Amino acid sequence: MTKPAAPKRHLPTSPFKAPVTRAPEQFAIGDQVTHDVHGLGRVVGIEDGIAALVDFGSAQMRILSPYAKMTKL
Protein backbone atom coordinates (compact mmCIF):
# COMPACT_ATOMS: atom_id res chain seq x y z
CA MET A 1 0.00 0.00 0.00
CA THR A 2 1.40 3.39 -0.90
CA LYS A 3 0.93 6.65 0.94
CA PRO A 4 -0.77 9.53 -0.89
CA ALA A 5 1.51 12.27 -2.15
CA ALA A 6 2.06 15.23 0.13
CA PRO A 7 0.34 18.44 -0.97
CA LYS A 8 2.60 20.82 -2.85
CA ARG A 9 3.48 23.97 -0.99
CA HIS A 10 2.57 27.34 -2.38
CA LEU A 11 5.46 29.71 -3.06
CA PRO A 12 4.87 33.33 -2.05
CA THR A 13 6.27 34.52 -5.39
CA SER A 14 3.85 32.40 -7.42
CA PRO A 15 1.46 34.27 -9.74
CA PHE A 16 -1.27 31.74 -8.94
CA LYS A 17 -3.60 31.94 -5.95
CA ALA A 18 -2.88 29.72 -2.98
CA PRO A 19 -5.24 26.74 -2.63
CA VAL A 20 -8.02 27.31 -0.15
CA THR A 21 -7.74 25.11 2.93
CA ARG A 22 -11.06 23.86 4.24
CA ALA A 23 -11.85 24.57 7.89
CA PRO A 24 -12.39 21.39 9.92
CA GLU A 25 -16.05 20.56 10.44
CA GLN A 26 -17.54 20.86 13.89
CA PHE A 27 -19.82 18.07 15.05
CA ALA A 28 -22.25 17.96 17.98
CA ILE A 29 -23.78 15.01 19.80
CA GLY A 30 -26.83 13.83 17.88
CA ASP A 31 -25.66 14.99 14.43
CA GLN A 32 -26.34 12.60 11.56
CA VAL A 33 -23.22 12.00 9.48
CA THR A 34 -22.07 9.98 6.52
CA HIS A 35 -18.64 8.38 6.26
CA ASP A 36 -17.01 7.27 2.99
CA VAL A 37 -16.14 3.83 4.42
CA HIS A 38 -18.63 3.14 7.25
CA GLY A 39 -21.79 4.75 5.82
CA LEU A 40 -24.55 6.52 7.77
CA GLY A 41 -24.18 7.14 11.48
CA ARG A 42 -25.00 9.37 14.43
CA VAL A 43 -22.48 11.20 16.64
CA VAL A 44 -22.74 9.88 20.22
CA GLY A 45 -19.63 11.48 21.73
CA ILE A 46 -17.08 14.23 21.14
CA GLU A 47 -13.47 14.60 22.28
CA ASP A 48 -12.64 18.31 21.85
CA GLY A 49 -10.73 18.69 18.59
CA ILE A 50 -9.40 15.13 18.72
CA ALA A 51 -12.09 12.66 17.70
CA ALA A 52 -15.78 11.92 17.40
CA LEU A 53 -17.44 8.70 18.56
CA VAL A 54 -19.97 7.67 15.90
CA ASP A 55 -22.59 4.90 16.07
CA PHE A 56 -22.95 3.31 12.63
CA GLY A 57 -25.57 0.79 13.75
CA SER A 58 -23.41 -2.32 13.53
CA ALA A 59 -20.43 -0.75 15.35
CA GLN A 60 -19.29 2.36 17.18
CA MET A 61 -16.17 3.92 15.68
CA ARG A 62 -13.84 6.63 16.96
CA ILE A 63 -13.19 8.91 13.98
CA LEU A 64 -10.11 11.11 14.36
CA SER A 65 -9.94 14.77 13.37
CA PRO A 66 -9.72 16.36 10.68
CA TYR A 67 -12.67 14.17 9.60
CA ALA A 68 -11.61 14.05 5.93
CA LYS A 69 -14.01 11.22 5.04
CA MET A 70 -16.96 12.31 7.19
CA THR A 71 -19.59 14.94 6.43
CA LYS A 72 -22.61 16.24 8.33
CA LEU A 73 -26.05 15.61 6.82
PDB file of N, CA and C in Angstrom:
ATOM      1  N   MET A   1       0.847  -1.163   0.000  1.00  0.00           N
ATOM      2  CA  MET A   1       0.000   0.000   0.000  1.00  0.00           C
ATOM      3  C   MET A   1       0.899   1.234   0.000  1.00  0.00           C
ATOM      4  N   THR A   2       0.596   2.187  -0.831  1.00  0.00           N
ATOM      5  CA  THR A   2       1.398   3.392  -0.903  1.00  0.00           C
ATOM      6  C   THR A   2       0.687   4.553  -0.225  1.00  0.00           C
ATOM      7  N   LYS A   3       1.489   5.471   0.301  1.00  0.00           N
ATOM      8  CA  LYS A   3       0.929   6.653   0.942  1.00  0.00           C
ATOM      9  C   LYS A   3       0.589   7.686  -0.120  1.00  0.00           C
ATOM     10  N   PRO A   4      -0.463   8.485   0.090  1.00  0.00           N
ATOM     11  CA  PRO A   4      -0.774   9.530  -0.888  1.00  0.00           C
ATOM     12  C   PRO A   4       0.321  10.587  -0.894  1.00  0.00           C
ATOM     13  N   ALA A   5       0.482  11.245  -2.019  1.00  0.00           N
ATOM     14  CA  ALA A   5       1.506  12.269  -2.151  1.00  0.00           C
ATOM     15  C   ALA A   5       1.188  13.457  -1.250  1.00  0.00           C
ATOM     16  N   ALA A   6       2.238  14.055  -0.715  1.00  0.00           N
ATOM     17  CA  ALA A   6       2.063  15.234   0.131  1.00  0.00           C
ATOM     18  C   ALA A   6       1.615  16.411  -0.736  1.00  0.00           C
ATOM     19  N   PRO A   7       0.774  17.282  -0.177  1.00  0.00           N
ATOM     20  CA  PRO A   7       0.340  18.435  -0.971  1.00  0.00           C
ATOM     21  C   PRO A   7       1.529  19.339  -1.274  1.00  0.00           C
ATOM     22  N   LYS A   8       1.512  19.930  -2.460  1.00  0.00           N
ATOM     23  CA  LYS A   8       2.602  20.820  -2.852  1.00  0.00           C
ATOM     24  C   LYS A   8       2.443  22.146  -2.131  1.00  0.00           C
ATOM     25  N   ARG A   9       3.550  22.690  -1.695  1.00  0.00           N
ATOM     26  CA  ARG A   9       3.485  23.965  -0.986  1.00  0.00           C
ATOM     27  C   ARG A   9       3.383  25.108  -1.984  1.00  0.00           C
ATOM     28  N   HIS A  10       2.774  26.174  -1.531  1.00  0.00           N
ATOM     29  CA  HIS A  10       2.570  27.341  -2.377  1.00  0.00           C
ATOM     30  C   HIS A  10       3.712  28.329  -2.136  1.00  0.00           C
ATOM     31  N   LEU A  11       4.373  28.743  -3.190  1.00  0.00           N
ATOM     32  CA  LEU A  11       5.455  29.705  -3.059  1.00  0.00           C
ATOM     33  C   LEU A  11       4.880  31.118  -3.017  1.00  0.00           C
ATOM     34  N   PRO A  12       5.404  31.982  -2.142  1.00  0.00           N
ATOM     35  CA  PRO A  12       4.871  33.333  -2.049  1.00  0.00           C
ATOM     36  C   PRO A  12       5.058  34.153  -3.327  1.00  0.00           C
ATOM     37  N   THR A  13       6.017  33.782  -4.153  1.00  0.00           N
ATOM     38  CA  THR A  13       6.266  34.521  -5.393  1.00  0.00           C
ATOM     39  C   THR A  13       5.453  33.994  -6.567  1.00  0.00           C
ATOM     40  N   SER A  14       4.633  32.994  -6.347  1.00  0.00           N
ATOM     41  CA  SER A  14       3.845  32.396  -7.416  1.00  0.00           C
ATOM     42  C   SER A  14       2.764  33.351  -7.909  1.00  0.00           C
ATOM     43  N   PRO A  15       2.531  33.412  -9.223  1.00  0.00           N
ATOM     44  CA  PRO A  15       1.463  34.274  -9.738  1.00  0.00           C
ATOM     45  C   PRO A  15       0.066  33.670  -9.551  1.00  0.00           C
ATOM     46  N   PHE A  16       0.008  32.424  -9.126  1.00  0.00           N
ATOM     47  CA  PHE A  16      -1.268  31.738  -8.940  1.00  0.00           C
ATOM     48  C   PHE A  16      -1.733  31.866  -7.499  1.00  0.00           C
ATOM     49  N   LYS A  17      -3.048  31.843  -7.298  1.00  0.00           N
ATOM     50  CA  LYS A  17      -3.600  31.945  -5.954  1.00  0.00           C
ATOM     51  C   LYS A  17      -3.292  30.683  -5.161  1.00  0.00           C
ATOM     52  N   ALA A  18      -3.124  30.852  -3.860  1.00  0.00           N
ATOM     53  CA  ALA A  18      -2.881  29.717  -2.975  1.00  0.00           C
ATOM     54  C   ALA A  18      -4.153  28.890  -2.868  1.00  0.00           C
ATOM     55  N   PRO A  19      -4.027  27.560  -2.779  1.00  0.00           N
ATOM     56  CA  PRO A  19      -5.237  26.739  -2.634  1.00  0.00           C
ATOM     57  C   PRO A  19      -5.931  27.041  -1.305  1.00  0.00           C
ATOM     58  N   VAL A  20      -7.237  27.017  -1.342  1.00  0.00           N
ATOM     59  CA  VAL A  20      -8.025  27.306  -0.146  1.00  0.00           C
ATOM     60  C   VAL A  20      -8.053  26.071   0.730  1.00  0.00           C
ATOM     61  N   THR A  21      -7.674  26.227   2.003  1.00  0.00           N
ATOM     62  CA  THR A  21      -7.740  25.107   2.933  1.00  0.00           C
ATOM     63  C   THR A  21      -9.094  25.140   3.620  1.00  0.00           C
ATOM     64  N   ARG A  22      -9.730  23.985   3.656  1.00  0.00           N
ATOM     65  CA  ARG A  22     -11.062  23.862   4.238  1.00  0.00           C
ATOM     66  C   ARG A  22     -10.963  23.828   5.761  1.00  0.00           C
ATOM     67  N   ALA A  23     -11.817  24.581   6.430  1.00  0.00           N
ATOM     68  CA  ALA A  23     -11.850  24.568   7.888  1.00  0.00           C
ATOM     69  C   ALA A  23     -12.415  23.229   8.362  1.00  0.00           C
ATOM     70  N   PRO A  24     -11.861  22.669   9.435  1.00  0.00           N
ATOM     71  CA  PRO A  24     -12.389  21.386   9.917  1.00  0.00           C
ATOM     72  C   PRO A  24     -13.834  21.534  10.381  1.00  0.00           C
ATOM     73  N   GLU A  25     -14.632  20.518  10.064  1.00  0.00           N
ATOM     74  CA  GLU A  25     -16.048  20.563  10.441  1.00  0.00           C
ATOM     75  C   GLU A  25     -16.205  20.366  11.938  1.00  0.00           C
ATOM     76  N   GLN A  26     -17.213  21.006  12.484  1.00  0.00           N
ATOM     77  CA  GLN A  26     -17.543  20.862  13.893  1.00  0.00           C
ATOM     78  C   GLN A  26     -18.778  19.975  13.999  1.00  0.00           C
ATOM     79  N   PHE A  27     -18.705  18.981  14.854  1.00  0.00           N
ATOM     80  CA  PHE A  27     -19.817  18.070  15.052  1.00  0.00           C
ATOM     81  C   PHE A  27     -20.330  18.198  16.478  1.00  0.00           C
ATOM     82  N   ALA A  28     -21.622  17.946  16.656  1.00  0.00           N
ATOM     83  CA  ALA A  28     -22.247  17.960  17.980  1.00  0.00           C
ATOM     84  C   ALA A  28     -22.914  16.609  18.202  1.00  0.00           C
ATOM     85  N   ILE A  29     -23.126  16.278  19.462  1.00  0.00           N
ATOM     86  CA  ILE A  29     -23.778  15.012  19.800  1.00  0.00           C
ATOM     87  C   ILE A  29     -25.181  15.025  19.204  1.00  0.00           C
ATOM     88  N   GLY A  30     -25.527  13.959  18.509  1.00  0.00           N
ATOM     89  CA  GLY A  30     -26.834  13.832  17.884  1.00  0.00           C
ATOM     90  C   GLY A  30     -26.831  14.136  16.398  1.00  0.00           C
ATOM     91  N   ASP A  31     -25.741  14.686  15.868  1.00  0.00           N
ATOM     92  CA  ASP A  31     -25.664  14.987  14.428  1.00  0.00           C
ATOM     93  C   ASP A  31     -25.660  13.705  13.614  1.00  0.00           C
ATOM     94  N   GLN A  32     -26.402  13.713  12.506  1.00  0.00           N
ATOM     95  CA  GLN A  32     -26.335  12.604  11.559  1.00  0.00           C
ATOM     96  C   GLN A  32     -25.191  12.881  10.603  1.00  0.00           C
ATOM     97  N   VAL A  33     -24.380  11.852  10.345  1.00  0.00           N
ATOM     98  CA  VAL A  33     -23.222  12.001   9.479  1.00  0.00           C
ATOM     99  C   VAL A  33     -23.161  10.851   8.488  1.00  0.00           C
ATOM    100  N   THR A  34     -22.371  11.051   7.445  1.00  0.00           N
ATOM    101  CA  THR A  34     -22.072   9.980   6.519  1.00  0.00           C
ATOM    102  C   THR A  34     -20.557   9.875   6.403  1.00  0.00           C
ATOM    103  N   HIS A  35     -20.071   8.654   6.345  1.00  0.00           N
ATOM    104  CA  HIS A  35     -18.643   8.384   6.255  1.00  0.00           C
ATOM    105  C   HIS A  35     -18.394   7.605   4.976  1.00  0.00           C
ATOM    106  N   ASP A  36     -17.304   7.917   4.271  1.00  0.00           N
ATOM    107  CA  ASP A  36     -17.007   7.267   2.995  1.00  0.00           C
ATOM    108  C   ASP A  36     -16.848   5.754   3.115  1.00  0.00           C
ATOM    109  N   VAL A  37     -16.377   5.266   4.246  1.00  0.00           N
ATOM    110  CA  VAL A  37     -16.144   3.829   4.420  1.00  0.00           C
ATOM    111  C   VAL A  37     -17.262   3.162   5.210  1.00  0.00           C
ATOM    112  N   HIS A  38     -17.699   3.778   6.315  1.00  0.00           N
ATOM    113  CA  HIS A  38     -18.629   3.141   7.248  1.00  0.00           C
ATOM    114  C   HIS A  38     -20.097   3.426   6.964  1.00  0.00           C
ATOM    115  N   GLY A  39     -20.402   4.446   6.179  1.00  0.00           N
ATOM    116  CA  GLY A  39     -21.786   4.747   5.822  1.00  0.00           C
ATOM    117  C   GLY A  39     -22.444   5.742   6.755  1.00  0.00           C
ATOM    118  N   LEU A  40     -23.771   5.590   6.948  1.00  0.00           N
ATOM    119  CA  LEU A  40     -24.547   6.516   7.769  1.00  0.00           C
ATOM    120  C   LEU A  40     -24.368   6.232   9.247  1.00  0.00           C
ATOM    121  N   GLY A  41     -24.338   7.309  10.042  1.00  0.00           N
ATOM    122  CA  GLY A  41     -24.184   7.140  11.477  1.00  0.00           C
ATOM    123  C   GLY A  41     -24.666   8.357  12.232  1.00  0.00           C
ATOM    124  N   ARG A  42     -24.599   8.271  13.562  1.00  0.00           N
ATOM    125  CA  ARG A  42     -25.002   9.367  14.432  1.00  0.00           C
ATOM    126  C   ARG A  42     -23.895   9.573  15.470  1.00  0.00           C
ATOM    127  N   VAL A  43     -23.521  10.856  15.680  1.00  0.00           N
ATOM    128  CA  VAL A  43     -22.479  11.199  16.643  1.00  0.00           C
ATOM    129  C   VAL A  43     -23.020  10.973  18.049  1.00  0.00           C
ATOM    130  N   VAL A  44     -22.310  10.171  18.853  1.00  0.00           N
ATOM    131  CA  VAL A  44     -22.739   9.884  20.220  1.00  0.00           C
ATOM    132  C   VAL A  44     -21.758  10.430  21.252  1.00  0.00           C
ATOM    133  N   GLY A  45     -20.607  10.914  20.799  1.00  0.00           N
ATOM    134  CA  GLY A  45     -19.634  11.482  21.728  1.00  0.00           C
ATOM    135  C   GLY A  45     -18.628  12.350  20.990  1.00  0.00           C
ATOM    136  N   ILE A  46     -18.060  13.319  21.712  1.00  0.00           N
ATOM    137  CA  ILE A  46     -17.080  14.235  21.140  1.00  0.00           C
ATOM    138  C   ILE A  46     -15.894  14.342  22.088  1.00  0.00           C
ATOM    139  N   GLU A  47     -14.683  14.275  21.540  1.00  0.00           N
ATOM    140  CA  GLU A  47     -13.467  14.600  22.275  1.00  0.00           C
ATOM    141  C   GLU A  47     -12.943  15.878  21.641  1.00  0.00           C
ATOM    142  N   ASP A  48     -12.922  16.963  22.371  1.00  0.00           N
ATOM    143  CA  ASP A  48     -12.640  18.311  21.846  1.00  0.00           C
ATOM    144  C   ASP A  48     -11.454  18.349  20.899  1.00  0.00           C
ATOM    145  N   GLY A  49     -11.758  18.530  19.600  1.00  0.00           N
ATOM    146  CA  GLY A  49     -10.731  18.694  18.587  1.00  0.00           C
ATOM    147  C   GLY A  49      -9.907  17.465  18.279  1.00  0.00           C
ATOM    148  N   ILE A  50     -10.210  16.331  18.913  1.00  0.00           N
ATOM    149  CA  ILE A  50      -9.402  15.130  18.719  1.00  0.00           C
ATOM    150  C   ILE A  50     -10.145  14.075  17.912  1.00  0.00           C
ATOM    151  N   ALA A  51     -11.355  13.745  18.345  1.00  0.00           N
ATOM    152  CA  ALA A  51     -12.091  12.658  17.704  1.00  0.00           C
ATOM    153  C   ALA A  51     -13.584  12.779  17.980  1.00  0.00           C
ATOM    154  N   ALA A  52     -14.344  12.021  17.199  1.00  0.00           N
ATOM    155  CA  ALA A  52     -15.785  11.922  17.398  1.00  0.00           C
ATOM    156  C   ALA A  52     -16.139  10.443  17.479  1.00  0.00           C
ATOM    157  N   LEU A  53     -16.967  10.072  18.431  1.00  0.00           N
ATOM    158  CA  LEU A  53     -17.443   8.703  18.560  1.00  0.00           C
ATOM    159  C   LEU A  53     -18.765   8.616  17.811  1.00  0.00           C
ATOM    160  N   VAL A  54     -18.812   7.756  16.784  1.00  0.00           N
ATOM    161  CA  VAL A  54     -19.971   7.674  15.900  1.00  0.00           C
ATOM    162  C   VAL A  54     -20.546   6.266  15.933  1.00  0.00           C
ATOM    163  N   ASP A  55     -21.876   6.185  16.093  1.00  0.00           N
ATOM    164  CA  ASP A  55     -22.585   4.902  16.074  1.00  0.00           C
ATOM    165  C   ASP A  55     -23.089   4.669  14.655  1.00  0.00           C
ATOM    166  N   PHE A  56     -22.553   3.636  13.990  1.00  0.00           N
ATOM    167  CA  PHE A  56     -22.950   3.308  12.625  1.00  0.00           C
ATOM    168  C   PHE A  56     -23.966   2.175  12.575  1.00  0.00           C
ATOM    169  N   GLY A  57     -24.571   1.853  13.699  1.00  0.00           N
ATOM    170  CA  GLY A  57     -25.571   0.791  13.747  1.00  0.00           C
ATOM    171  C   GLY A  57     -24.937  -0.538  14.105  1.00  0.00           C
ATOM    172  N   SER A  58     -24.054  -1.036  13.270  1.00  0.00           N
ATOM    173  CA  SER A  58     -23.406  -2.320  13.528  1.00  0.00           C
ATOM    174  C   SER A  58     -22.195  -2.171  14.444  1.00  0.00           C
ATOM    175  N   ALA A  59     -21.621  -0.979  14.523  1.00  0.00           N
ATOM    176  CA  ALA A  59     -20.434  -0.754  15.349  1.00  0.00           C
ATOM    177  C   ALA A  59     -20.312   0.718  15.697  1.00  0.00           C
ATOM    178  N   GLN A  60     -19.630   0.985  16.820  1.00  0.00           N
ATOM    179  CA  GLN A  60     -19.289   2.358  17.177  1.00  0.00           C
ATOM    180  C   GLN A  60     -17.821   2.561  16.834  1.00  0.00           C
ATOM    181  N   MET A  61     -17.533   3.638  16.117  1.00  0.00           N
ATOM    182  CA  MET A  61     -16.167   3.916  15.680  1.00  0.00           C
ATOM    183  C   MET A  61     -15.733   5.268  16.218  1.00  0.00           C
ATOM    184  N   ARG A  62     -14.445   5.367  16.545  1.00  0.00           N
ATOM    185  CA  ARG A  62     -13.835   6.630  16.963  1.00  0.00           C
ATOM    186  C   ARG A  62     -13.153   7.204  15.725  1.00  0.00           C
ATOM    187  N   ILE A  63     -13.703   8.285  15.183  1.00  0.00           N
ATOM    188  CA  ILE A  63     -13.192   8.909  13.977  1.00  0.00           C
ATOM    189  C   ILE A  63     -12.324  10.096  14.384  1.00  0.00           C
ATOM    190  N   LEU A  64     -11.054  10.071  13.972  1.00  0.00           N
ATOM    191  CA  LEU A  64     -10.105  11.107  14.358  1.00  0.00           C
ATOM    192  C   LEU A  64     -10.247  12.356  13.490  1.00  0.00           C
ATOM    193  N   SER A  65      -9.944  13.502  14.100  1.00  0.00           N
ATOM    194  CA  SER A  65      -9.939  14.768  13.373  1.00  0.00           C
ATOM    195  C   SER A  65      -8.791  14.757  12.387  1.00  0.00           C
ATOM    196  N   PRO A  66      -8.896  15.286  11.217  1.00  0.00           N
ATOM    197  CA  PRO A  66      -9.716  16.361  10.677  1.00  0.00           C
ATOM    198  C   PRO A  66     -10.953  15.879   9.942  1.00  0.00           C
ATOM    199  N   TYR A  67     -11.412  14.676  10.147  1.00  0.00           N
ATOM    200  CA  TYR A  67     -12.666  14.166   9.599  1.00  0.00           C
ATOM    201  C   TYR A  67     -12.739  14.282   8.081  1.00  0.00           C
ATOM    202  N   ALA A  68     -11.680  13.907   7.391  1.00  0.00           N
ATOM    203  CA  ALA A  68     -11.607  14.052   5.929  1.00  0.00           C
ATOM    204  C   ALA A  68     -12.681  13.251   5.204  1.00  0.00           C
ATOM    205  N   LYS A  69     -13.058  12.086   5.736  1.00  0.00           N
ATOM    206  CA  LYS A  69     -14.007  11.221   5.036  1.00  0.00           C
ATOM    207  C   LYS A  69     -15.418  11.307   5.610  1.00  0.00           C
ATOM    208  N   MET A  70     -15.667  12.242   6.549  1.00  0.00           N
ATOM    209  CA  MET A  70     -16.964  12.307   7.195  1.00  0.00           C
ATOM    210  C   MET A  70     -17.587  13.684   6.972  1.00  0.00           C
ATOM    211  N   THR A  71     -18.874  13.686   6.631  1.00  0.00           N
ATOM    212  CA  THR A  71     -19.591  14.941   6.434  1.00  0.00           C
ATOM    213  C   THR A  71     -20.917  14.914   7.190  1.00  0.00           C
ATOM    214  N   LYS A  72     -21.351  16.099   7.597  1.00  0.00           N
ATOM    215  CA  LYS A  72     -22.614  16.243   8.333  1.00  0.00           C
ATOM    216  C   LYS A  72     -23.758  16.271   7.336  1.00  0.00           C
ATOM    217  N   LEU A  73     -24.859  15.598   7.678  1.00  0.00           N
ATOM    218  CA  LEU A  73     -26.050  15.612   6.816  1.00  0.00           C
ATOM    219  C   LEU A  73     -27.016  16.680   7.249  1.00  0.00           C
TER     220      LEU A  73
END
